[in-house]
C-alpha cells in the first residue's frame, strides 16, 4: 500500500506540531523531557502506554490483539487535543509511526488508522525529526526488541515518513544537549 501526500497544504491551525520519530531506545523520551523543561508542550508516546496497560490487565502480547492499532490511535488523538492553544508542540511519535508499527508487525492497517494518517499528514508540520538509535536498547516488558531489529524498525519509520512526503531532520546519536540543539535550531529557523 502506498499513500502519498505530496503538495500537502500548510498546517490548518496556528500551532506547529513536530514529530519525534525513531526506533525504540533511540532516546526520544529523554529529548522530549528536555524540550518540556525548555518550555515546549510535549505529547507522550501512546503505543508504550497502551502496551503497558494491556499487560497490567493480563495480556502478555497486546500487539496480537484485535484493535491494538486502534487503541493507539485513540490515545494519540486524546493526547493531541490536550495541546490546544500552544504555539509549538512536540509529539513522541504520531499516527505515521503507528502505521510503521503495523507494517513492522505485519498487522493489517485498519481504516481508522489510515484516516488518522491522512489527517496527520495535513496537520503536523511537514518536517519531522528522525532520532537515530544510540546503538543499544534496554528491554522492558513493552519493549521486546534488540538493536538489530530496532535498526530495521528505524528504516521502516524513515521509509513510511518519506513515502508520505515528510522531510526528515536527522538527529544523530550523541549527547542529549547536542541532540536537543539540532531540534531547537531547526524549529527556530522556521
Protein backbone atom coordinates (compact mmCIF):
# COMPACT_ATOMS: atom_id res chain seq x y z
CA UNK A 1 0.00 0.00 0.00
CA UNK A 2 1.40 3.39 -0.97
CA UNK A 3 -0.08 6.57 0.48
CA UNK A 4 1.21 9.85 -0.92
CA UNK A 5 0.66 13.38 0.31
CA UNK A 6 2.87 15.43 -1.98
CA UNK A 7 1.73 19.02 -2.13
CA UNK A 8 0.37 18.85 1.41
CA UNK A 9 -1.34 22.10 2.40
CA UNK A 10 0.11 24.24 5.17
CA UNK A 11 -0.85 23.47 8.75
CA UNK A 12 -4.50 24.39 9.36
CA UNK A 13 -4.01 25.76 12.86
CA UNK A 14 -1.53 28.29 14.20
CA UNK A 15 0.01 25.52 16.33
CA UNK A 16 3.15 23.97 14.94
CA UNK A 17 3.14 20.23 15.62
CA UNK A 18 6.51 18.50 15.30
CA UNK A 19 7.03 14.76 15.42
CA UNK A 20 9.95 12.95 17.02
CA UNK A 21 10.21 9.54 15.41
CA UNK A 22 12.65 6.67 15.53
CA UNK A 23 13.03 3.17 16.82
CA UNK A 24 12.57 2.10 20.44
CA UNK A 25 15.56 3.00 22.57
CA UNK A 26 16.71 5.90 20.41
CA UNK A 27 16.33 8.46 23.19
CA UNK A 28 13.11 10.20 22.10
CA UNK A 29 11.76 10.30 25.65
CA UNK A 30 14.89 12.00 27.02
CA UNK A 31 14.68 14.55 24.21
CA UNK A 32 11.02 15.13 24.99
CA UNK A 33 11.77 15.66 28.69
CA UNK A 34 14.40 18.31 27.86
CA UNK A 35 12.12 20.04 25.35
CA UNK A 36 9.41 20.10 28.04
CA UNK A 37 11.84 21.65 30.53
CA UNK A 38 12.71 24.20 27.83
CA UNK A 39 9.04 25.29 27.86
CA UNK A 40 7.56 23.41 24.91
CA UNK A 41 4.32 21.46 25.02
CA UNK A 42 5.01 17.75 24.65
CA UNK A 43 2.85 14.74 23.93
CA UNK A 44 3.86 11.34 25.24
CA UNK A 45 4.06 8.23 23.10
CA UNK A 46 0.81 6.24 23.09
CA UNK A 47 1.93 2.77 21.98
CA UNK A 48 4.08 2.04 25.03
CA UNK A 49 1.28 3.12 27.37
CA UNK A 50 -1.31 1.03 25.52
CA UNK A 51 1.00 -1.99 25.76
CA UNK A 52 1.75 -1.41 29.47
CA UNK A 53 -1.93 -1.03 30.35
CA UNK A 54 -2.98 -4.15 28.46
CA UNK A 55 -0.14 -6.10 30.11
CA UNK A 56 -1.28 -4.86 33.52
CA UNK A 57 -4.67 -6.26 32.58
CA UNK A 58 -3.10 -9.67 31.93
CA UNK A 59 -2.48 -9.58 28.17
CA UNK A 60 1.16 -10.61 27.62
CA UNK A 61 1.40 -9.59 23.94
CA UNK A 62 -1.21 -6.87 23.32
CA UNK A 63 0.06 -6.28 19.78
CA UNK A 64 -1.53 -9.60 18.86
CA UNK A 65 -5.00 -8.46 20.00
CA UNK A 66 -7.65 -7.21 17.59
CA UNK A 67 -7.99 -3.45 17.93
CA UNK A 68 -4.38 -2.89 19.05
CA UNK A 69 -3.61 -0.17 16.48
CA UNK A 70 -6.99 1.50 17.05
CA UNK A 71 -6.26 1.78 20.80
CA UNK A 72 -3.02 3.58 19.99
CA UNK A 73 -4.77 5.94 17.55
CA UNK A 74 -7.45 6.80 20.13
CA UNK A 75 -4.90 7.62 22.83
CA UNK A 76 -2.73 9.64 20.41
CA UNK A 77 -5.72 11.73 19.39
CA UNK A 78 -6.79 12.33 23.00
CA UNK A 79 -3.29 13.47 23.92
CA UNK A 80 -3.02 15.71 20.87
CA UNK A 81 -6.24 17.52 21.80
CA UNK A 82 -4.72 18.37 25.19
CA UNK A 83 -2.14 20.64 23.48
CA UNK A 84 -4.73 23.07 22.10
CA UNK A 85 -3.69 26.67 22.39
CA UNK A 86 0.06 26.05 22.45
CA UNK A 87 2.25 27.64 19.74
CA UNK A 88 4.61 24.66 19.36
CA UNK A 89 4.20 21.07 20.46
CA UNK A 90 6.49 18.08 20.12
CA UNK A 91 5.00 14.62 19.74
CA UNK A 92 6.76 11.43 20.75
CA UNK A 93 5.52 9.56 17.70
CA UNK A 94 2.42 10.09 15.59
CA UNK A 95 -0.16 8.10 13.63
CA UNK A 96 2.51 7.73 10.93
CA UNK A 97 4.61 5.85 13.50
CA UNK A 98 1.60 3.66 14.26
CA UNK A 99 1.39 2.87 10.54
CA UNK A 100 5.10 1.98 10.60
CA UNK A 101 4.47 -0.23 13.65
CA UNK A 102 1.64 -2.03 11.86
CA UNK A 103 3.91 -2.62 8.87
CA UNK A 104 6.71 -3.84 11.12
CA UNK A 105 4.40 -6.30 12.88
CA UNK A 106 2.58 -7.33 9.69
CA UNK A 107 -0.78 -6.22 11.14
CA UNK A 108 -3.50 -5.25 8.67
CA UNK A 109 -3.93 -1.48 8.71
CA UNK A 110 -7.45 -0.50 9.87
CA UNK A 111 -9.40 2.26 8.14
CA UNK A 112 -9.37 4.34 11.33
CA UNK A 113 -5.57 4.41 11.24
CA UNK A 114 -5.48 5.32 7.55
CA UNK A 115 -7.87 8.21 8.22
CA UNK A 116 -5.72 9.39 11.12
CA UNK A 117 -2.55 9.16 8.98
CA UNK A 118 -4.28 11.26 6.33
CA UNK A 119 -5.28 13.85 8.95
CA UNK A 120 -1.79 13.83 10.45
CA UNK A 121 -0.18 14.46 7.08
CA UNK A 122 -2.31 17.61 6.83
CA UNK A 123 -1.99 18.90 10.41
CA UNK A 124 1.53 18.09 11.57
CA UNK A 125 4.48 20.09 10.30
CA UNK A 126 5.94 18.61 7.10
CA UNK A 127 9.29 18.38 8.90
CA UNK A 128 9.73 15.53 11.37
CA UNK A 129 12.76 14.64 13.46
CA UNK A 130 14.25 11.17 12.93
CA UNK A 131 16.01 10.33 16.19
CA UNK A 132 18.71 7.79 15.36
CA UNK A 133 19.42 4.81 17.57
CA UNK A 134 22.17 5.08 20.16
CA UNK A 135 23.50 1.58 19.44
CA UNK A 136 21.80 -0.12 22.39
CA UNK A 137 18.27 -0.89 23.57
CA UNK A 138 17.21 -1.51 27.16
CA UNK A 139 14.48 -4.17 27.01
CA UNK A 140 11.32 -3.70 29.04
CA UNK A 141 8.06 -5.64 29.26
CA UNK A 142 6.68 -3.39 26.50
CA UNK A 143 9.94 -3.08 24.52
CA UNK A 144 10.98 -6.55 23.42
CA UNK A 145 13.35 -5.56 20.66
CA UNK A 146 17.09 -5.86 20.15
CA UNK A 147 19.49 -3.49 18.40
CA UNK A 148 19.33 -5.28 15.06
CA UNK A 149 15.52 -5.32 14.96
CA UNK A 150 15.43 -1.70 16.19
CA UNK A 151 17.63 -0.76 13.23
CA UNK A 152 15.19 -2.43 10.80
CA UNK A 153 12.28 -0.71 12.55
CA UNK A 154 14.06 2.65 12.22
CA UNK A 155 14.30 2.09 8.44
CA UNK A 156 10.57 1.32 8.28
CA UNK A 157 9.85 4.60 10.09
CA UNK A 158 12.09 6.50 7.71
CA UNK A 159 10.54 4.90 4.62
CA UNK A 160 6.99 5.50 5.87
CA UNK A 161 7.56 9.17 6.64
CA UNK A 162 9.31 9.80 3.33
CA UNK A 163 6.53 7.97 1.45
CA UNK A 164 4.04 10.38 2.99
CA UNK A 165 6.06 13.41 1.88
CA UNK A 166 7.64 14.40 5.20
CA UNK A 167 11.08 15.99 5.26
CA UNK A 168 13.17 14.30 7.92
CA UNK A 169 15.74 16.13 10.02
CA UNK A 170 18.37 13.64 11.13
CA UNK A 171 19.05 13.71 14.88
CA UNK A 172 22.23 11.64 15.16
CA UNK A 173 23.28 9.59 18.16
CA UNK A 174 25.18 11.63 20.69
CA UNK A 175 24.91 13.64 23.89
CA UNK A 176 21.44 14.90 24.82
CA UNK A 177 22.40 18.58 24.63
CA UNK A 178 23.70 18.20 21.07
CA UNK A 179 20.56 16.37 20.00
CA UNK A 180 18.25 18.98 21.55
CA UNK A 181 20.29 21.67 19.78
CA UNK A 182 19.61 20.03 16.39
CA UNK A 183 15.88 20.15 17.10
CA UNK A 184 15.79 23.66 18.59
CA UNK A 185 17.84 25.08 15.71
CA UNK A 186 15.55 23.52 13.11
CA UNK A 187 12.42 24.84 14.84
CA UNK A 188 13.80 28.34 15.33
CA UNK A 189 14.83 28.51 11.64
CA UNK A 190 11.18 28.16 10.58
